[in-house]
Amino acid sequence: MSEYTVVVGLGNPENVERLMRIGCMMAQQNDGRVEGVTVVEVECEAPEITSENHDRMSRAYNVLAAAEEVAEACAVTFEGHLAVGREVAAVLDEVACATDAALIIVGFSEREHPRGDGSDFDRLVDEIADAAPCNVLVARFVGEPKYDRVLVPVRARLNLDVRRDLVVALQDQFGSEVDVVHFACSEAEARDMRVQLDEWLRERAVEERVTPQVEVREDPAEAIVEASADYDLVLLGTAPLHEVRRKYFGAVPEHVANNASCSTFLIRAHGIWPGG
């Protein structure tokens, strides 16, 4: 079995430390390593000139240096990769394939697809998710980076196994308190989900780690947004990619990612199918 590898896509210097902390968390939890990837895009607007970043290449090298510093502080093996004039999704895909990666981590962005040529996807993050040969975590950060209280909304078992791994890592390394919540549209749905949720928690041996809740709410998406005010992180699964195409997330995760009061991690499990 190959070494557990996390590939972290690094573009925005402001998010480097936070993305790397999550990547190192997962690598530490699984005795693995982190591969950092940044791409110098030659067809986009040049970055603002500062004393630290005077051109695209220096900015990219500084991003990788900052990532390596985080990895060293976490005592995690790290290797940086820099590509020039390549498509970001293709580079992440290649590195993930070459390292047999288990997880790709990227930052959330509404940035439009750089090609702007009517491609299948509107945003760069959507194409990254489509190309990924492994699980994907898209992180939207809000406020200070802390994970004391974590909300895990569920609609079914979709993506739950990947989120279980994250929950265990967050608890073991940050001492997170985790609530698993299903917002049902009816009492009948609530009864069924209570049984399913208890069964799943027992099967995965996490019934002692989390607090399960089932509530009846007319609008589950808005219920998650309202609940986010009491948490540091919402950990959401996403719909199978072939269901949504141009938009990676799906209606509920998309709404939560754009409106939650706290940070949001959106998870797409590789190879999932409806009802899985």
Protein backbone atom coordinates (compact mmCIF):
# COMPACT_ATOMS: atom_id res chain seq x y z
CA MET A 1 0.00 0.00 0.00
CA SER A 2 1.39 3.42 -0.97
CA GLU A 3 2.10 6.17 1.54
CA TYR A 4 -0.88 8.38 2.39
CA THR A 5 -0.39 11.56 0.37
CA VAL A 6 -2.19 14.90 0.48
CA VAL A 7 -1.87 17.30 -2.46
CA VAL A 8 -2.43 20.95 -1.51
CA GLY A 9 -3.15 23.46 -4.28
CA LEU A 10 -1.49 26.76 -3.37
CA GLY A 11 -2.40 29.97 -5.16
CA ASN A 12 -3.51 32.72 -2.78
CA PRO A 13 -0.65 33.59 -0.39
CA GLU A 14 -3.19 34.55 2.29
CA ASN A 15 -4.51 30.97 2.44
CA VAL A 16 -1.23 29.07 2.31
CA GLU A 17 -0.84 28.53 6.06
CA ARG A 18 -4.48 27.51 6.61
CA LEU A 19 -4.57 25.09 3.69
CA MET A 20 -1.25 23.58 4.71
CA ARG A 21 -2.38 23.16 8.33
CA ILE A 22 -5.30 21.04 7.14
CA GLY A 23 -3.08 19.10 4.75
CA CYS A 24 -0.54 18.45 7.50
CA MET A 25 -3.33 17.44 9.89
CA MET A 26 -4.47 14.73 7.50
CA ALA A 27 -0.90 13.64 6.74
CA GLN A 28 -0.04 13.38 10.44
CA GLN A 29 -3.20 11.43 11.15
CA ASN A 30 -2.28 8.86 8.51
CA ASP A 31 1.53 8.85 8.78
CA GLY A 32 1.71 10.46 5.36
CA ARG A 33 3.19 13.37 3.46
CA VAL A 34 2.14 16.60 1.72
CA GLU A 35 2.80 17.62 -1.86
CA GLY A 36 2.40 21.38 -2.40
CA VAL A 37 1.50 22.59 -5.90
CA THR A 38 1.49 26.11 -7.30
CA VAL A 39 1.07 27.19 -10.91
CA VAL A 40 2.40 30.36 -12.53
CA GLU A 41 -0.29 31.47 -14.94
CA VAL A 42 1.06 33.55 -17.79
CA GLU A 43 -2.22 34.70 -19.33
CA CYS A 44 -3.71 36.31 -16.21
CA GLU A 45 -3.06 39.72 -14.68
CA ALA A 46 0.31 39.98 -12.94
CA PRO A 47 0.27 40.08 -9.11
CA GLU A 48 0.66 43.38 -7.30
CA ILE A 49 4.31 44.30 -6.89
CA THR A 50 5.46 44.29 -3.26
CA SER A 51 8.81 44.10 -1.50
CA GLU A 52 8.29 40.33 -1.15
CA ASN A 53 6.78 39.59 -4.58
CA HIS A 54 8.19 41.53 -7.50
CA ASP A 55 7.06 39.16 -10.24
CA ARG A 56 5.05 35.96 -10.82
CA MET A 57 7.97 33.61 -10.24
CA SER A 58 9.13 35.18 -6.98
CA ARG A 59 5.53 35.07 -5.73
CA ALA A 60 5.31 31.36 -6.58
CA TYR A 61 8.62 30.54 -4.88
CA ASN A 62 7.55 32.48 -1.79
CA VAL A 63 4.28 30.52 -1.67
CA LEU A 64 6.16 27.21 -1.72
CA ALA A 65 8.65 28.45 0.87
CA ALA A 66 5.81 29.45 3.20
CA ALA A 67 4.20 26.04 2.69
CA GLU A 68 7.45 24.27 3.51
CA GLU A 69 7.77 26.28 6.72
CA VAL A 70 4.34 25.09 7.86
CA ALA A 71 5.20 21.48 7.03
CA GLU A 72 8.46 21.72 8.97
CA ALA A 73 6.64 23.17 11.98
CA CYS A 74 4.20 20.23 11.82
CA ALA A 75 7.03 17.71 11.31
CA VAL A 76 5.46 16.53 8.04
CA THR A 77 7.42 15.46 4.96
CA PHE A 78 6.86 18.01 2.19
CA GLU A 79 7.74 18.40 -1.47
CA GLY A 80 6.88 21.47 -3.53
CA HIS A 81 5.96 21.53 -7.22
CA LEU A 82 5.94 24.59 -9.49
CA ALA A 83 4.52 24.60 -13.00
CA VAL A 84 4.55 27.46 -15.51
CA GLY A 85 1.91 28.16 -18.14
CA ARG A 86 -0.04 24.97 -17.41
CA GLU A 87 -3.68 24.48 -16.53
CA VAL A 88 -4.10 24.24 -12.76
CA ALA A 89 -6.51 21.30 -12.87
CA ALA A 90 -4.17 19.31 -15.12
CA VAL A 91 -1.16 19.92 -12.87
CA LEU A 92 -3.04 18.91 -9.71
CA ASP A 93 -4.33 15.83 -11.51
CA GLU A 94 -0.82 14.83 -12.61
CA VAL A 95 0.73 15.27 -9.17
CA ALA A 96 -2.14 13.39 -7.50
CA CYS A 97 -1.85 10.52 -9.98
CA ALA A 98 1.95 10.36 -9.75
CA THR A 99 1.86 10.20 -5.95
CA ASP A 100 -1.27 8.04 -5.68
CA ALA A 101 -2.75 10.79 -3.51
CA ALA A 102 -5.70 10.15 -1.22
CA LEU A 103 -6.82 13.79 -0.98
CA ILE A 104 -6.53 17.09 -2.83
CA ILE A 105 -7.10 20.29 -0.83
CA VAL A 106 -7.81 23.63 -2.52
CA GLY A 107 -9.26 26.96 -1.45
CA PHE A 108 -12.82 27.99 -2.29
CA SER A 109 -13.12 30.60 -5.00
CA GLU A 110 -15.86 32.07 -7.17
CA ARG A 111 -13.23 32.96 -9.73
CA GLU A 112 -14.41 32.31 -13.26
CA HIS A 113 -12.68 29.73 -15.40
CA PRO A 114 -9.58 31.44 -16.88
CA ARG A 115 -10.12 30.10 -20.39
CA GLY A 116 -13.47 31.84 -20.74
CA ASP A 117 -14.14 29.80 -23.86
CA GLY A 118 -17.44 28.19 -23.02
CA SER A 119 -15.84 25.14 -21.43
CA ASP A 120 -17.90 22.61 -19.48
CA PHE A 121 -17.30 24.43 -16.19
CA ASP A 122 -17.83 28.03 -15.14
CA ARG A 123 -15.20 28.09 -12.41
CA LEU A 124 -11.69 26.80 -12.04
CA VAL A 125 -12.56 24.91 -8.83
CA ASP A 126 -15.24 22.97 -10.71
CA GLU A 127 -12.75 21.71 -13.26
CA ILE A 128 -10.30 20.78 -10.50
CA ALA A 129 -13.01 18.66 -8.91
CA ASP A 130 -13.84 17.03 -12.23
CA ALA A 131 -10.23 16.13 -12.98
CA ALA A 132 -9.30 14.91 -9.50
CA PRO A 133 -8.39 11.20 -9.28
CA CYS A 134 -9.05 11.14 -5.52
CA ASN A 135 -11.12 12.78 -2.80
CA VAL A 136 -11.29 16.60 -2.84
CA LEU A 137 -11.64 19.11 -0.01
CA VAL A 138 -12.55 22.69 -0.90
CA ALA A 139 -11.98 25.05 2.03
CA ARG A 140 -13.71 28.40 2.51
CA PHE A 141 -12.20 30.18 5.50
CA VAL A 142 -14.07 32.69 7.66
CA GLY A 143 -12.59 34.41 10.69
CA GLU A 144 -9.82 33.01 12.85
CA PRO A 145 -8.67 29.42 12.18
CA LYS A 146 -10.14 27.35 15.00
CA TYR A 147 -12.09 24.10 15.10
CA ASP A 148 -13.49 23.85 18.62
CA ARG A 149 -17.05 23.14 17.44
CA VAL A 150 -17.74 21.34 14.15
CA LEU A 151 -21.11 20.82 12.47
CA VAL A 152 -21.51 17.88 10.08
CA PRO A 153 -24.87 18.13 8.26
CA VAL A 154 -25.95 14.91 6.54
CA ARG A 155 -28.70 14.16 4.06
CA ALA A 156 -27.81 10.47 3.60
CA ARG A 157 -24.59 8.43 3.66
CA LEU A 158 -23.20 10.39 0.73
CA ASN A 159 -19.59 11.43 1.47
CA LEU A 160 -19.86 10.34 5.09
CA ASP A 161 -16.87 8.00 5.05
CA VAL A 162 -14.55 10.79 3.88
CA ARG A 163 -15.98 13.17 6.45
CA ARG A 164 -15.51 10.55 9.16
CA ASP A 165 -11.75 10.59 8.49
CA LEU A 166 -11.70 14.37 8.80
CA VAL A 167 -13.77 14.30 11.97
CA VAL A 168 -11.40 11.83 13.62
CA ALA A 169 -8.37 13.93 12.63
CA LEU A 170 -9.98 17.14 13.91
CA GLN A 171 -10.84 15.49 17.21
CA ASP A 172 -7.46 13.85 17.70
CA GLN A 173 -5.41 16.92 16.79
CA PHE A 174 -7.64 19.87 17.70
CA GLY A 175 -9.95 18.37 20.31
CA SER A 176 -13.01 19.29 18.24
CA GLU A 177 -16.53 18.78 19.54
CA VAL A 178 -18.59 17.36 16.65
CA ASP A 179 -22.34 17.40 16.05
CA VAL A 180 -23.75 15.29 13.21
CA VAL A 181 -27.11 16.79 12.19
CA HIS A 182 -29.82 15.88 9.71
CA PHE A 183 -32.45 18.49 8.92
CA ALA A 184 -35.50 16.52 7.77
CA CYS A 185 -38.46 17.85 5.82
CA SER A 186 -40.99 15.64 7.65
CA GLU A 187 -41.41 13.59 10.81
CA ALA A 188 -41.40 10.38 8.76
CA GLU A 189 -38.06 11.29 7.21
CA ALA A 190 -36.73 12.21 10.65
CA ARG A 191 -37.64 8.80 12.09
CA ASP A 192 -35.97 6.95 9.21
CA MET A 193 -32.84 9.07 9.39
CA ARG A 194 -32.42 8.57 13.14
CA VAL A 195 -32.23 4.82 12.54
CA GLN A 196 -29.85 5.16 9.57
CA LEU A 197 -27.59 7.61 11.37
CA ASP A 198 -27.30 5.48 14.52
CA GLU A 199 -26.51 2.43 12.37
CA TRP A 200 -23.84 4.25 10.38
CA LEU A 201 -22.17 5.62 13.51
CA ARG A 202 -22.02 2.14 15.05
CA GLU A 203 -20.65 0.58 11.86
CA ARG A 204 -17.84 3.14 11.72
CA ALA A 205 -17.14 3.01 15.47
CA VAL A 206 -17.64 6.73 15.97
CA GLU A 207 -20.83 6.68 18.05
CA GLU A 208 -18.84 7.77 21.11
CA ARG A 209 -17.07 10.54 19.22
CA VAL A 210 -20.02 12.59 17.91
CA THR A 211 -23.43 13.85 18.98
CA PRO A 212 -26.14 12.90 16.44
CA GLN A 213 -29.19 15.14 16.02
CA VAL A 214 -32.23 15.01 13.74
CA GLU A 215 -34.51 18.03 13.39
CA VAL A 216 -37.50 18.79 11.17
CA ARG A 217 -36.94 21.99 9.20
CA GLU A 218 -38.73 23.26 6.10
CA ASP A 219 -35.56 24.56 4.45
CA PRO A 220 -32.48 22.40 5.26
CA ALA A 221 -30.05 24.74 3.47
CA GLU A 222 -31.17 27.75 5.47
CA ALA A 223 -31.21 25.66 8.65
CA ILE A 224 -27.53 24.83 8.16
CA VAL A 225 -26.70 28.50 7.56
CA GLU A 226 -28.53 29.51 10.74
CA ALA A 227 -26.84 26.78 12.76
CA SER A 228 -23.38 27.81 11.48
CA ALA A 229 -23.45 30.85 13.78
CA ASP A 230 -22.78 28.51 16.72
CA TYR A 231 -19.87 26.63 15.12
CA ASP A 232 -16.30 27.18 13.91
CA LEU A 233 -16.59 24.85 10.92
CA VAL A 234 -19.27 23.22 8.77
CA LEU A 235 -18.19 19.98 7.09
CA LEU A 236 -20.41 19.27 4.08
CA GLY A 237 -20.55 16.56 1.44
CA THR A 238 -21.29 17.47 -2.16
CA ALA A 239 -23.46 15.93 -4.83
CA PRO A 240 -21.95 13.51 -7.38
CA LEU A 241 -20.27 15.66 -10.00
CA HIS A 242 -22.19 14.17 -12.93
CA GLU A 243 -25.41 15.40 -11.31
CA VAL A 244 -24.43 19.04 -11.36
CA ARG A 245 -21.76 19.55 -14.01
CA ARG A 246 -20.92 23.25 -14.45
CA LYS A 247 -21.36 23.85 -10.69
CA TYR A 248 -19.31 21.53 -8.49
CA PHE A 249 -21.17 21.79 -5.22
CA GLY A 250 -24.90 21.30 -5.74
CA ALA A 251 -27.66 23.56 -4.43
CA VAL A 252 -27.40 23.07 -0.66
CA PRO A 253 -23.58 23.08 -0.31
CA GLU A 254 -23.38 26.03 -2.71
CA HIS A 255 -25.83 28.02 -0.57
CA VAL A 256 -24.05 27.12 2.66
CA ALA A 257 -20.58 27.90 1.30
CA ASN A 258 -21.69 31.37 0.28
CA ASN A 259 -23.72 32.21 3.39
CA ALA A 260 -22.38 30.36 6.45
CA SER A 261 -21.08 32.43 9.36
CA CYS A 262 -18.11 30.14 9.89
CA SER A 263 -15.56 28.30 7.77
CA THR A 264 -16.85 25.59 5.44
CA PHE A 265 -15.14 22.47 4.12
CA LEU A 266 -16.86 20.89 1.14
CA ILE A 267 -16.00 17.29 0.39
CA ARG A 268 -16.35 15.40 -2.86
CA ALA A 269 -15.62 11.71 -2.50
CA HIS A 270 -13.98 10.18 -5.54
CA GLY A 271 -16.22 7.80 -7.47
CA ILE A 272 -19.41 8.39 -5.47
CA TRP A 273 -22.82 7.69 -6.99
CA PRO A 274 -26.29 8.83 -6.02
CA GLY A 275 -27.55 7.03 -2.94
CA GLY A 276 -24.05 5.87 -2.04
